[in-house]
């Protein structure tokens, strides 16, 4: 089965191709784990570190595997596209951001250049 953006799904290559999807339960579990809302996290992207990204990845993959732990999600991050941690986290962040955008927005209304971009360029 391939990912369907109209169902909020985004493929992500980790140990295998997996599907990120942020559901009501995913957001609720994320809030329970972190004490932060998804809106709060993305309003302060400067502080979006490894721990928060691991938590987001876990929440977005829960629909595939209810037994997935946060620690296992962190282990899966090692398999992300990229030659080093910077490239891996950029790859994961792009997929997570796109999946969150799809959860809240009609995918067709997102300009292609904004999909997966955690920091939209602002005009000075």
PDB file of N, CA and C in Angstrom:
ATOM      1  N   UNK A   1       0.839  -1.181   0.000  1.00  0.00           N
ATOM      2  CA  UNK A   1       0.000   0.000   0.000  1.00  0.00           C
ATOM      3  C   UNK A   1       0.886   1.246   0.000  1.00  0.00           C
ATOM      4  N   UNK A   2       0.595   2.177  -0.865  1.00  0.00           N
ATOM      5  CA  UNK A   2       1.392   3.398  -0.902  1.00  0.00           C
ATOM      6  C   UNK A   2       0.718   4.485  -0.072  1.00  0.00           C
ATOM      7  N   UNK A   3       1.517   5.468   0.333  1.00  0.00           N
ATOM      8  CA  UNK A   3       1.003   6.562   1.142  1.00  0.00           C
ATOM      9  C   UNK A   3       0.043   7.416   0.326  1.00  0.00           C
ATOM     10  N   UNK A   4      -0.994   7.896   0.982  1.00  0.00           N
ATOM     11  CA  UNK A   4      -2.023   8.707   0.344  1.00  0.00           C
ATOM     12  C   UNK A   4      -2.099  10.053   1.055  1.00  0.00           C
ATOM     13  N   UNK A   5      -1.641  11.110   0.385  1.00  0.00           N
ATOM     14  CA  UNK A   5      -1.601  12.416   1.044  1.00  0.00           C
ATOM     15  C   UNK A   5      -2.992  12.906   1.434  1.00  0.00           C
ATOM     16  N   UNK A   6      -4.018  12.424   0.765  1.00  0.00           N
ATOM     17  CA  UNK A   6      -5.378  12.846   1.092  1.00  0.00           C
ATOM     18  C   UNK A   6      -5.884  12.189   2.372  1.00  0.00           C
ATOM     19  N   UNK A   7      -5.158  11.189   2.834  1.00  0.00           N
ATOM     20  CA  UNK A   7      -5.448  10.576   4.132  1.00  0.00           C
ATOM     21  C   UNK A   7      -4.402  10.996   5.150  1.00  0.00           C
ATOM     22  N   UNK A   8      -3.579  11.986   4.809  1.00  0.00           N
ATOM     23  CA  UNK A   8      -2.567  12.503   5.719  1.00  0.00           C
ATOM     24  C   UNK A   8      -1.314  11.661   5.808  1.00  0.00           C
ATOM     25  N   UNK A   9      -1.094  10.803   4.839  1.00  0.00           N
ATOM     26  CA  UNK A   9       0.020   9.862   4.886  1.00  0.00           C
ATOM     27  C   UNK A   9       1.229  10.360   4.089  1.00  0.00           C
ATOM     28  N   UNK A  10       2.396  10.151   4.668  1.00  0.00           N
ATOM     29  CA  UNK A  10       3.659  10.536   4.021  1.00  0.00           C
ATOM     30  C   UNK A  10       4.639   9.375   4.167  1.00  0.00           C
ATOM     31  N   UNK A  11       5.218   8.904   3.057  1.00  0.00           N
ATOM     32  CA  UNK A  11       6.210   7.827   3.170  1.00  0.00           C
ATOM     33  C   UNK A  11       7.512   8.359   3.767  1.00  0.00           C
ATOM     34  N   UNK A  12       8.149   7.509   4.546  1.00  0.00           N
ATOM     35  CA  UNK A  12       9.456   7.848   5.109  1.00  0.00           C
ATOM     36  C   UNK A  12      10.307   6.586   5.078  1.00  0.00           C
ATOM     37  N   UNK A  13      11.528   6.728   4.563  1.00  0.00           N
ATOM     38  CA  UNK A  13      12.441   5.578   4.494  1.00  0.00           C
ATOM     39  C   UNK A  13      13.249   5.507   5.784  1.00  0.00           C
ATOM     40  N   UNK A  14      13.050   4.423   6.499  1.00  0.00           N
ATOM     41  CA  UNK A  14      13.813   4.167   7.711  1.00  0.00           C
ATOM     42  C   UNK A  14      14.425   2.775   7.546  1.00  0.00           C
ATOM     43  N   UNK A  15      14.115   1.834   8.417  1.00  0.00           N
ATOM     44  CA  UNK A  15      14.581   0.461   8.236  1.00  0.00           C
ATOM     45  C   UNK A  15      13.924  -0.159   7.008  1.00  0.00           C
ATOM     46  N   UNK A  16      12.784   0.368   6.658  1.00  0.00           N
ATOM     47  CA  UNK A  16      12.009   0.036   5.457  1.00  0.00           C
ATOM     48  C   UNK A  16      11.142   1.256   5.191  1.00  0.00           C
ATOM     49  N   UNK A  17      10.429   1.258   4.102  1.00  0.00           N
ATOM     50  CA  UNK A  17       9.531   2.388   3.868  1.00  0.00           C
ATOM     51  C   UNK A  17       8.348   2.252   4.809  1.00  0.00           C
ATOM     52  N   UNK A  18       8.176   3.265   5.605  1.00  0.00           N
ATOM     53  CA  UNK A  18       7.080   3.330   6.570  1.00  0.00           C
ATOM     54  C   UNK A  18       6.180   4.494   6.176  1.00  0.00           C
ATOM     55  N   UNK A  19       5.051   4.615   6.867  1.00  0.00           N
ATOM     56  CA  UNK A  19       4.107   5.681   6.556  1.00  0.00           C
ATOM     57  C   UNK A  19       3.825   6.509   7.798  1.00  0.00           C
ATOM     58  N   UNK A  20       4.141   7.790   7.722  1.00  0.00           N
ATOM     59  CA  UNK A  20       3.791   8.719   8.793  1.00  0.00           C
ATOM     60  C   UNK A  20       2.342   9.145   8.616  1.00  0.00           C
ATOM     61  N   UNK A  21       1.621   9.207   9.717  1.00  0.00           N
ATOM     62  CA  UNK A  21       0.244   9.687   9.684  1.00  0.00           C
ATOM     63  C   UNK A  21      -0.091  10.221  11.069  1.00  0.00           C
ATOM     64  N   UNK A  22      -0.508  11.470  11.110  1.00  0.00           N
ATOM     65  CA  UNK A  22      -0.862  12.086  12.384  1.00  0.00           C
ATOM     66  C   UNK A  22      -2.380  12.114  12.532  1.00  0.00           C
ATOM     67  N   UNK A  23      -2.859  11.306  13.470  1.00  0.00           N
ATOM     68  CA  UNK A  23      -4.282  11.179  13.754  1.00  0.00           C
ATOM     69  C   UNK A  23      -4.591  11.906  15.067  1.00  0.00           C
ATOM     70  N   UNK A  24      -5.864  11.956  15.440  1.00  0.00           N
ATOM     71  CA  UNK A  24      -6.224  12.514  16.743  1.00  0.00           C
ATOM     72  C   UNK A  24      -5.474  11.787  17.850  1.00  0.00           C
ATOM     73  N   UNK A  25      -5.450  10.461  17.774  1.00  0.00           N
ATOM     74  CA  UNK A  25      -4.748   9.686  18.807  1.00  0.00           C
ATOM     75  C   UNK A  25      -3.258   9.979  18.810  1.00  0.00           C
ATOM     76  N   UNK A  26      -2.667  10.133  17.652  1.00  0.00           N
ATOM     77  CA  UNK A  26      -1.237  10.441  17.589  1.00  0.00           C
ATOM     78  C   UNK A  26      -0.934  11.770  18.277  1.00  0.00           C
ATOM     79  N   UNK A  27      -1.742  12.777  17.975  1.00  0.00           N
ATOM     80  CA  UNK A  27      -1.517  14.086  18.613  1.00  0.00           C
ATOM     81  C   UNK A  27      -1.762  14.018  20.116  1.00  0.00           C
ATOM     82  N   UNK A  28      -2.795  13.270  20.535  1.00  0.00           N
ATOM     83  CA  UNK A  28      -3.085  13.139  21.966  1.00  0.00           C
ATOM     84  C   UNK A  28      -1.947  12.424  22.693  1.00  0.00           C
ATOM     85  N   UNK A  29      -1.439  11.345  22.101  1.00  0.00           N
ATOM     86  CA  UNK A  29      -0.323  10.621  22.718  1.00  0.00           C
ATOM     87  C   UNK A  29       0.928  11.496  22.777  1.00  0.00           C
ATOM     88  N   UNK A  30       1.154  12.272  21.715  1.00  0.00           N
ATOM     89  CA  UNK A  30       2.291  13.191  21.696  1.00  0.00           C
ATOM     90  C   UNK A  30       2.158  14.202  22.832  1.00  0.00           C
ATOM     91  N   UNK A  31       0.966  14.769  23.013  1.00  0.00           N
ATOM     92  CA  UNK A  31       0.736  15.735  24.096  1.00  0.00           C
ATOM     93  C   UNK A  31       0.941  15.084  25.463  1.00  0.00           C
ATOM     94  N   UNK A  32       0.452  13.840  25.624  1.00  0.00           N
ATOM     95  CA  UNK A  32       0.651  13.131  26.898  1.00  0.00           C
ATOM     96  C   UNK A  32       2.127  12.922  27.191  1.00  0.00           C
ATOM     97  N   UNK A  33       2.884  12.578  26.165  1.00  0.00           N
ATOM     98  CA  UNK A  33       4.310  12.307  26.338  1.00  0.00           C
ATOM     99  C   UNK A  33       5.107  13.576  26.634  1.00  0.00           C
ATOM    100  N   UNK A  34       4.827  14.638  25.898  1.00  0.00           N
ATOM    101  CA  UNK A  34       5.672  15.838  25.968  1.00  0.00           C
ATOM    102  C   UNK A  34       5.093  16.970  26.806  1.00  0.00           C
ATOM    103  N   UNK A  35       3.791  16.958  27.016  1.00  0.00           N
ATOM    104  CA  UNK A  35       3.148  18.084  27.698  1.00  0.00           C
ATOM    105  C   UNK A  35       3.007  19.288  26.794  1.00  0.00           C
ATOM    106  N   UNK A  36       3.243  19.108  25.482  1.00  0.00           N
ATOM    107  CA  UNK A  36       3.169  20.211  24.523  1.00  0.00           C
ATOM    108  C   UNK A  36       2.184  19.867  23.418  1.00  0.00           C
ATOM    109  N   UNK A  37       1.502  20.890  22.941  1.00  0.00           N
ATOM    110  CA  UNK A  37       0.623  20.696  21.789  1.00  0.00           C
ATOM    111  C   UNK A  37       1.465  20.755  20.522  1.00  0.00           C
ATOM    112  N   UNK A  38       0.953  20.176  19.471  1.00  0.00           N
ATOM    113  CA  UNK A  38       1.669  20.197  18.193  1.00  0.00           C
ATOM    114  C   UNK A  38       1.811  21.634  17.696  1.00  0.00           C
ATOM    115  N   UNK A  39       0.790  22.444  17.944  1.00  0.00           N
ATOM    116  CA  UNK A  39       0.865  23.844  17.528  1.00  0.00           C
ATOM    117  C   UNK A  39       1.973  24.577  18.295  1.00  0.00           C
ATOM    118  N   UNK A  40       2.107  24.272  19.568  1.00  0.00           N
ATOM    119  CA  UNK A  40       3.159  24.889  20.375  1.00  0.00           C
ATOM    120  C   UNK A  40       4.548  24.507  19.906  1.00  0.00           C
ATOM    121  N   UNK A  41       4.702  23.261  19.516  1.00  0.00           N
ATOM    122  CA  UNK A  41       6.008  22.782  19.038  1.00  0.00           C
ATOM    123  C   UNK A  41       6.401  23.494  17.754  1.00  0.00           C
ATOM    124  N   UNK A  42       5.465  23.598  16.810  1.00  0.00           N
ATOM    125  CA  UNK A  42       5.801  24.186  15.521  1.00  0.00           C
ATOM    126  C   UNK A  42       5.784  25.713  15.528  1.00  0.00           C
ATOM    127  N   UNK A  43       5.311  26.315  16.608  1.00  0.00           N
ATOM    128  CA  UNK A  43       5.417  27.771  16.695  1.00  0.00           C
ATOM    129  C   UNK A  43       6.793  28.185  17.200  1.00  0.00           C
ATOM    130  N   UNK A  44       7.572  27.213  17.689  1.00  0.00           N
ATOM    131  CA  UNK A  44       8.917  27.478  18.207  1.00  0.00           C
ATOM    132  C   UNK A  44       9.893  26.481  17.583  1.00  0.00           C
ATOM    133  N   UNK A  45      10.062  26.554  16.261  1.00  0.00           N
ATOM    134  CA  UNK A  45      10.892  25.564  15.561  1.00  0.00           C
ATOM    135  C   UNK A  45      12.375  25.689  15.891  1.00  0.00           C
ATOM    136  N   UNK A  46      12.802  26.802  16.460  1.00  0.00           N
ATOM    137  CA  UNK A  46      14.213  26.952  16.828  1.00  0.00           C
ATOM    138  C   UNK A  46      14.606  25.931  17.892  1.00  0.00           C
ATOM    139  N   UNK A  47      13.634  25.487  18.699  1.00  0.00           N
ATOM    140  CA  UNK A  47      13.919  24.532  19.766  1.00  0.00           C
ATOM    141  C   UNK A  47      13.445  23.124  19.429  1.00  0.00           C
ATOM    142  N   UNK A  48      13.314  22.836  18.154  1.00  0.00           N
ATOM    143  CA  UNK A  48      12.875  21.521  17.706  1.00  0.00           C
ATOM    144  C   UNK A  48      14.107  20.617  17.603  1.00  0.00           C
ATOM    145  N   UNK A  49      14.450  19.962  18.717  1.00  0.00           N
ATOM    146  CA  UNK A  49      15.670  19.169  18.778  1.00  0.00           C
ATOM    147  C   UNK A  49      15.448  17.694  18.522  1.00  0.00           C
ATOM    148  N   UNK A  50      16.481  16.924  18.778  1.00  0.00           N
ATOM    149  CA  UNK A  50      16.443  15.478  18.529  1.00  0.00           C
ATOM    150  C   UNK A  50      15.334  14.800  19.328  1.00  0.00           C
ATOM    151  N   UNK A  51      15.195  15.146  20.603  1.00  0.00           N
ATOM    152  CA  UNK A  51      14.195  14.507  21.443  1.00  0.00           C
ATOM    153  C   UNK A  51      12.785  14.774  20.916  1.00  0.00           C
ATOM    154  N   UNK A  52      12.499  16.004  20.588  1.00  0.00           N
ATOM    155  CA  UNK A  52      11.164  16.345  20.098  1.00  0.00           C
ATOM    156  C   UNK A  52      10.905  15.683  18.754  1.00  0.00           C
ATOM    157  N   UNK A  53      11.909  15.634  17.894  1.00  0.00           N
ATOM    158  CA  UNK A  53      11.716  14.992  16.594  1.00  0.00           C
ATOM    159  C   UNK A  53      11.504  13.488  16.765  1.00  0.00           C
ATOM    160  N   UNK A  54      12.215  12.889  17.690  1.00  0.00           N
ATOM    161  CA  UNK A  54      12.010  11.462  17.982  1.00  0.00           C
ATOM    162  C   UNK A  54      10.575  11.224  18.468  1.00  0.00           C
ATOM    163  N   UNK A  55      10.094  12.105  19.338  1.00  0.00           N
ATOM    164  CA  UNK A  55       8.729  11.982  19.847  1.00  0.00           C
ATOM    165  C   UNK A  55       7.699  12.155  18.735  1.00  0.00           C
ATOM    166  N   UNK A  56       7.942  13.094  17.832  1.00  0.00           N
ATOM    167  CA  UNK A  56       7.034  13.297  16.699  1.00  0.00           C
ATOM    168  C   UNK A  56       7.043  12.091  15.769  1.00  0.00           C
ATOM    169  N   UNK A  57       8.222  11.552  15.495  1.00  0.00           N
ATOM    170  CA  UNK A  57       8.313  10.371  14.640  1.00  0.00           C
ATOM    171  C   UNK A  57       7.534   9.220  15.261  1.00  0.00           C
ATOM    172  N   UNK A  58       7.713   8.992  16.552  1.00  0.00           N
ATOM    173  CA  UNK A  58       6.995   7.940  17.263  1.00  0.00           C
ATOM    174  C   UNK A  58       5.484   8.123  17.117  1.00  0.00           C
ATOM    175  N   UNK A  59       5.009   9.335  17.368  1.00  0.00           N
ATOM    176  CA  UNK A  59       3.570   9.601  17.291  1.00  0.00           C
ATOM    177  C   UNK A  59       3.040   9.360  15.872  1.00  0.00           C
ATOM    178  N   UNK A  60       3.812   9.758  14.873  1.00  0.00           N
ATOM    179  CA  UNK A  60       3.387   9.604  13.490  1.00  0.00           C
ATOM    180  C   UNK A  60       3.431   8.179  12.972  1.00  0.00           C
ATOM    181  N   UNK A  61       4.170   7.309  13.661  1.00  0.00           N
ATOM    182  CA  UNK A  61       4.265   5.902  13.249  1.00  0.00           C
ATOM    183  C   UNK A  61       3.386   4.969  14.071  1.00  0.00           C
ATOM    184  N   UNK A  62       2.787   5.476  15.150  1.00  0.00           N
ATOM    185  CA  UNK A  62       1.987   4.629  16.038  1.00  0.00           C
ATOM    186  C   UNK A  62       0.858   3.895  15.326  1.00  0.00           C
ATOM    187  N   UNK A  63       0.281   4.505  14.309  1.00  0.00           N
ATOM    188  CA  UNK A  63      -0.841   3.875  13.604  1.00  0.00           C
ATOM    189  C   UNK A  63      -0.413   2.574  12.936  1.00  0.00           C
ATOM    190  N   UNK A  64       0.873   2.453  12.597  1.00  0.00           N
ATOM    191  CA  UNK A  64       1.398   1.239  11.967  1.00  0.00           C
ATOM    192  C   UNK A  64       1.707   0.137  12.976  1.00  0.00           C
ATOM    193  N   UNK A  65       2.141   0.551  14.170  1.00  0.00           N
ATOM    194  CA  UNK A  65       2.622  -0.412  15.152  1.00  0.00           C
ATOM    195  C   UNK A  65       2.334   0.111  16.549  1.00  0.00           C
ATOM    196  N   UNK A  66       1.274  -0.403  17.160  1.00  0.00           N
ATOM    197  CA  UNK A  66       0.867   0.060  18.489  1.00  0.00           C
ATOM    198  C   UNK A  66       1.897  -0.288  19.564  1.00  0.00           C
ATOM    199  N   UNK A  67       2.813  -1.213  19.270  1.00  0.00           N
ATOM    200  CA  UNK A  67       3.829  -1.599  20.256  1.00  0.00           C
ATOM    201  C   UNK A  67       5.117  -0.783  20.124  1.00  0.00           C
ATOM    202  N   UNK A  68       5.166   0.112  19.142  1.00  0.00           N
ATOM    203  CA  UNK A  68       6.368   0.929  18.933  1.00  0.00           C
ATOM    204  C   UNK A  68       6.633   1.792  20.162  1.00  0.00           C
ATOM    205  N   UNK A  69       7.866   1.784  20.612  1.00  0.00           N
ATOM    206  CA  UNK A  69       8.258   2.629  21.750  1.00  0.00           C
ATOM    207  C   UNK A  69       8.998   3.859  21.239  1.00  0.00           C
ATOM    208  N   UNK A  70       9.115   4.846  22.094  1.00  0.00           N
ATOM    209  CA  UNK A  70       9.864   6.052  21.744  1.00  0.00           C
ATOM    210  C   UNK A  70      11.325   5.691  21.482  1.00  0.00           C
ATOM    211  N   UNK A  71      11.867   4.822  22.311  1.00  0.00           N
ATOM    212  CA  UNK A  71      13.268   4.410  22.129  1.00  0.00           C
ATOM    213  C   UNK A  71      13.458   3.724  20.773  1.00  0.00           C
ATOM    214  N   UNK A  72      12.541   2.845  20.400  1.00  0.00           N
ATOM    215  CA  UNK A  72      12.630   2.163  19.108  1.00  0.00           C
ATOM    216  C   UNK A  72      12.515   3.178  17.974  1.00  0.00           C
ATOM    217  N   UNK A  73      11.654   4.191  18.131  1.00  0.00           N
ATOM    218  CA  UNK A  73      11.545   5.238  17.110  1.00  0.00           C
ATOM    219  C   UNK A  73      12.895   5.934  16.937  1.00  0.00           C
ATOM    220  N   UNK A  74      13.595   6.159  18.042  1.00  0.00           N
ATOM    221  CA  UNK A  74      14.927   6.753  17.965  1.00  0.00           C
ATOM    222  C   UNK A  74      15.906   5.862  17.231  1.00  0.00           C
ATOM    223  N   UNK A  75      15.802   4.555  17.456  1.00  0.00           N
ATOM    224  CA  UNK A  75      16.672   3.613  16.751  1.00  0.00           C
ATOM    225  C   UNK A  75      16.372   3.622  15.255  1.00  0.00           C
ATOM    226  N   UNK A  76      15.099   3.763  14.893  1.00  0.00           N
ATOM    227  CA  UNK A  76      14.723   3.815  13.478  1.00  0.00           C
ATOM    228  C   UNK A  76      15.298   5.053  12.788  1.00  0.00           C
ATOM    229  N   UNK A  77      15.497   6.127  13.545  1.00  0.00           N
ATOM    230  CA  UNK A  77      16.031   7.367  12.975  1.00  0.00           C
ATOM    231  C   UNK A  77      17.414   7.143  12.357  1.00  0.00           C
ATOM    232  N   UNK A  78      18.157   6.177  12.875  1.00  0.00           N
ATOM    233  CA  UNK A  78      19.491   5.880  12.348  1.00  0.00           C
ATOM    234  C   UNK A  78      19.450   5.426  10.893  1.00  0.00           C
ATOM    235  N   UNK A  79      18.299   4.904  10.450  1.00  0.00           N
ATOM    236  CA  UNK A  79      18.160   4.387   9.094  1.00  0.00           C
ATOM    237  C   UNK A  79      17.666   5.442   8.101  1.00  0.00           C
ATOM    238  N   UNK A  80      17.398   6.649   8.571  1.00  0.00           N
ATOM    239  CA  UNK A  80      16.869   7.697   7.692  1.00  0.00           C
ATOM    240  C   UNK A  80      17.856   8.038   6.588  1.00  0.00           C
ATOM    241  N   UNK A  81      17.331   8.599   5.507  1.00  0.00           N
ATOM    242  CA  UNK A  81      18.187   9.051   4.407  1.00  0.00           C
ATOM    243  C   UNK A  81      19.182  10.077   4.928  1.00  0.00           C
ATOM    244  N   UNK A  82      20.421   9.966   4.498  1.00  0.00           N
ATOM    245  CA  UNK A  82      21.451  10.925   4.874  1.00  0.00           C
ATOM    246  C   UNK A  82      22.727  10.228   5.293  1.00  0.00           C
ATOM    247  N   UNK A  83      23.845  10.955   5.109  1.00  0.00           N
ATOM    248  CA  UNK A  83      25.161  10.395   5.424  1.00  0.00           C
ATOM    249  C   UNK A  83      25.594  10.689   6.858  1.00  0.00           C
ATOM    250  N   UNK A  84      24.936  11.669   7.486  1.00  0.00           N
ATOM    251  CA  UNK A  84      25.313  12.036   8.844  1.00  0.00           C
ATOM    252  C   UNK A  84      24.056  12.470   9.602  1.00  0.00           C
ATOM    253  N   UNK A  85      24.207  12.776  10.883  1.00  0.00           N
ATOM    254  CA  UNK A  85      23.039  13.124  11.691  1.00  0.00           C
ATOM    255  C   UNK A  85      22.309  14.356  11.171  1.00  0.00           C
ATOM    256  N   UNK A  86      23.041  15.324  10.677  1.00  0.00           N
ATOM    257  CA  UNK A  86      22.400  16.529  10.150  1.00  0.00           C
ATOM    258  C   UNK A  86      21.503  16.185   8.972  1.00  0.00           C
ATOM    259  N   UNK A  87      22.004  15.409   8.040  1.00  0.00           N
ATOM    260  CA  UNK A  87      21.205  15.036   6.873  1.00  0.00           C
ATOM    261  C   UNK A  87      20.035  14.140   7.265  1.00  0.00           C
ATOM    262  N   UNK A  88      20.252  13.241   8.213  1.00  0.00           N
ATOM    263  CA  UNK A  88      19.178  12.354   8.660  1.00  0.00           C
ATOM    264  C   UNK A  88      18.050  13.147   9.321  1.00  0.00           C
ATOM    265  N   UNK A  89      18.398  14.073  10.202  1.00  0.00           N
ATOM    266  CA  UNK A  89      17.360  14.843  10.901  1.00  0.00           C
ATOM    267  C   UNK A  89      16.631  15.753   9.924  1.00  0.00           C
ATOM    268  N   UNK A  90      17.336  16.282   8.916  1.00  0.00           N
ATOM    269  CA  UNK A  90      16.671  17.096   7.894  1.00  0.00           C
ATOM    270  C   UNK A  90      15.670  16.262   7.103  1.00  0.00           C
ATOM    271  N   UNK A  91      16.040  15.041   6.771  1.00  0.00           N
ATOM    272  CA  UNK A  91      15.155  14.143   6.042  1.00  0.00           C
ATOM    273  C   UNK A  91      13.911  13.813   6.871  1.00  0.00           C
ATOM    274  N   UNK A  92      14.130  13.461   8.133  1.00  0.00           N
ATOM    275  CA  UNK A  92      13.018  13.126   9.024  1.00  0.00           C
ATOM    276  C   UNK A  92      12.127  14.336   9.245  1.00  0.00           C
ATOM    277  N   UNK A  93      12.740  15.489   9.500  1.00  0.00           N
ATOM    278  CA  UNK A  93      11.973  16.711   9.744  1.00  0.00           C
ATOM    279  C   UNK A  93      11.094  17.044   8.551  1.00  0.00           C
ATOM    280  N   UNK A  94      11.645  16.941   7.348  1.00  0.00           N
ATOM    281  CA  UNK A  94      10.857  17.231   6.151  1.00  0.00           C
ATOM    282  C   UNK A  94       9.627  16.347   6.048  1.00  0.00           C
ATOM    283  N   UNK A  95       9.794  15.061   6.320  1.00  0.00           N
ATOM    284  CA  UNK A  95       8.662  14.129   6.251  1.00  0.00           C
ATOM    285  C   UNK A  95       7.643  14.397   7.352  1.00  0.00           C
ATOM    286  N   UNK A  96       8.118  14.641   8.576  1.00  0.00           N
ATOM    287  CA  UNK A  96       7.219  14.912   9.698  1.00  0.00           C
ATOM    288  C   UNK A  96       6.427  16.189   9.442  1.00  0.00           C
ATOM    289  N   UNK A  97       7.100  17.238   9.009  1.00  0.00           N
ATOM    290  CA  UNK A  97       6.420  18.512   8.743  1.00  0.00           C
ATOM    291  C   UNK A  97       5.350  18.326   7.667  1.00  0.00           C
ATOM    292  N   UNK A  98       5.686  17.602   6.619  1.00  0.00           N
ATOM    293  CA  UNK A  98       4.719  17.367   5.551  1.00  0.00           C
ATOM    294  C   UNK A  98       3.498  16.614   6.087  1.00  0.00           C
ATOM    295  N   UNK A  99       3.718  15.594   6.912  1.00  0.00           N
ATOM    296  CA  UNK A  99       2.611  14.819   7.467  1.00  0.00           C
ATOM    297  C   UNK A  99       1.739  15.668   8.388  1.00  0.00           C
ATOM    298  N   UNK A 100       2.359  16.545   9.177  1.00  0.00           N
ATOM    299  CA  UNK A 100       1.589  17.445  10.041  1.00  0.00           C
ATOM    300  C   UNK A 100       0.791  18.425   9.177  1.00  0.00           C
ATOM    301  N   UNK A 101       1.415  18.957   8.131  1.00  0.00           N
ATOM    302  CA  UNK A 101       0.696  19.853   7.209  1.00  0.00           C
ATOM    303  C   UNK A 101      -0.509  19.135   6.606  1.00  0.00           C
ATOM    304  N   UNK A 102      -0.335  17.913   6.174  1.00  0.00           N
ATOM    305  CA  UNK A 102      -1.429  17.148   5.570  1.00  0.00           C
ATOM    306  C   UNK A 102      -2.547  16.886   6.579  1.00  0.00           C
ATOM    307  N   UNK A 103      -2.205  16.750   7.864  1.00  0.00           N
ATOM    308  CA  UNK A 103      -3.212  16.499   8.888  1.00  0.00           C
ATOM    309  C   UNK A 103      -4.121  17.713   9.093  1.00  0.00           C
ATOM    310  N   UNK A 104      -3.568  18.913   8.904  1.00  0.00           N
ATOM    311  CA  UNK A 104      -4.311  20.131   9.197  1.00  0.00           C
ATOM    312  C   UNK A 104      -4.797  20.889   7.965  1.00  0.00           C
ATOM    313  N   UNK A 105      -4.321  20.525   6.791  1.00  0.00           N
ATOM    314  CA  UNK A 105      -4.567  21.321   5.591  1.00  0.00           C
ATOM    315  C   UNK A 105      -4.896  20.421   4.417  1.00  0.00           C
ATOM    316  N   UNK A 106      -5.667  20.934   3.496  1.00  0.00           N
ATOM    317  CA  UNK A 106      -5.898  20.222   2.240  1.00  0.00           C
ATOM    318  C   UNK A 106      -4.553  20.138   1.525  1.00  0.00           C
ATOM    319  N   UNK A 107      -4.063  18.933   1.257  1.00  0.00           N
ATOM    320  CA  UNK A 107      -2.743  18.794   0.623  1.00  0.00           C
ATOM    321  C   UNK A 107      -2.600  19.576  -0.682  1.00  0.00           C
ATOM    322  N   UNK A 108      -3.693  19.742  -1.421  1.00  0.00           N
ATOM    323  CA  UNK A 108      -3.606  20.471  -2.682  1.00  0.00           C
ATOM    324  C   UNK A 108      -3.430  21.972  -2.482  1.00  0.00           C
ATOM    325  N   UNK A 109      -3.671  22.458  -1.270  1.00  0.00           N
ATOM    326  CA  UNK A 109      -3.527  23.894  -1.018  1.00  0.00           C
ATOM    327  C   UNK A 109      -2.114  24.268  -0.569  1.00  0.00           C
ATOM    328  N   UNK A 110      -1.245  23.274  -0.386  1.00  0.00           N
ATOM    329  CA  UNK A 110       0.130  23.529   0.051  1.00  0.00           C
ATOM    330  C   UNK A 110       1.005  23.703  -1.179  1.00  0.00           C
ATOM    331  N   UNK A 111       1.605  24.887  -1.354  1.00  0.00           N
ATOM    332  CA  UNK A 111       2.507  25.060  -2.496  1.00  0.00           C
ATOM    333  C   UNK A 111       3.645  24.037  -2.426  1.00  0.00           C
ATOM    334  N   UNK A 112       4.021  23.495  -3.555  1.00  0.00           N
ATOM    335  CA  UNK A 112       5.039  22.442  -3.600  1.00  0.00           C
ATOM    336  C   UNK A 112       6.323  22.847  -2.888  1.00  0.00           C
ATOM    337  N   UNK A 113       6.730  24.113  -3.005  1.00  0.00           N
ATOM    338  CA  UNK A 113       7.985  24.537  -2.379  1.00  0.00           C
ATOM    339  C   UNK A 113       7.873  24.614  -0.858  1.00  0.00           C
ATOM    340  N   UNK A 114       6.628  24.624  -0.304  1.00  0.00           N
ATOM    341  CA  UNK A 114       6.460  24.692   1.144  1.00  0.00           C
ATOM    342  C   UNK A 114       6.302  23.319   1.780  1.00  0.00           C
ATOM    343  N   UNK A 115       6.028  22.301   1.004  1.00  0.00           N
ATOM    344  CA  UNK A 115       5.825  20.973   1.563  1.00  0.00           C
ATOM    345  C   UNK A 115       7.107  20.500   2.244  1.00  0.00           C
ATOM    346  N   UNK A 116       6.962  20.145   3.509  1.00  0.00           N
ATOM    347  CA  UNK A 116       8.085  19.598   4.245  1.00  0.00           C
ATOM    348  C   UNK A 116       9.110  20.613   4.688  1.00  0.00           C
ATOM    349  N   UNK A 117       8.858  21.905   4.492  1.00  0.00           N
ATOM    350  CA  UNK A 117       9.813  22.933   4.876  1.00  0.00           C
ATOM    351  C   UNK A 117       9.457  23.439   6.260  1.00  0.00           C
ATOM    352  N   UNK A 118      10.247  23.103   7.301  1.00  0.00           N
ATOM    353  CA  UNK A 118       9.908  23.516   8.662  1.00  0.00           C
ATOM    354  C   UNK A 118      10.025  25.006   8.888  1.00  0.00           C
ATOM    355  N   UNK A 119      10.805  25.692   8.065  1.00  0.00           N
ATOM    356  CA  UNK A 119      10.975  27.135   8.219  1.00  0.00           C
ATOM    357  C   UNK A 119      10.703  27.795   6.890  1.00  0.00           C
ATOM    358  N   UNK A 120       9.518  28.377   6.756  1.00  0.00           N
ATOM    359  CA  UNK A 120       9.204  29.068   5.513  1.00  0.00           C
ATOM    360  C   UNK A 120      10.014  30.353   5.470  1.00  0.00           C
ATOM    361  N   UNK A 121      10.508  30.661   4.296  1.00  0.00           N
ATOM    362  CA  UNK A 121      11.300  31.874   4.134  1.00  0.00           C
ATOM    363  C   UNK A 121      10.383  33.082   4.279  1.00  0.00           C
ATOM    364  N   UNK A 122      10.835  34.034   5.079  1.00  0.00           N
ATOM    365  CA  UNK A 122      10.082  35.255   5.263  1.00  0.00           C
ATOM    366  C   UNK A 122      10.755  36.383   4.525  1.00  0.00           C
ATOM    367  N   UNK A 123       9.944  37.255   3.943  1.00  0.00           N
ATOM    368  CA  UNK A 123      10.497  38.414   3.254  1.00  0.00           C
ATOM    369  C   UNK A 123      10.902  39.453   4.265  1.00  0.00           C
ATOM    370  N   UNK A 124      12.014  40.112   4.025  1.00  0.00           N
ATOM    371  CA  UNK A 124      12.500  41.147   4.952  1.00  0.00           C
ATOM    372  C   UNK A 124      11.817  42.452   4.695  1.00  0.00           C
TER     373      UNK A 124
END
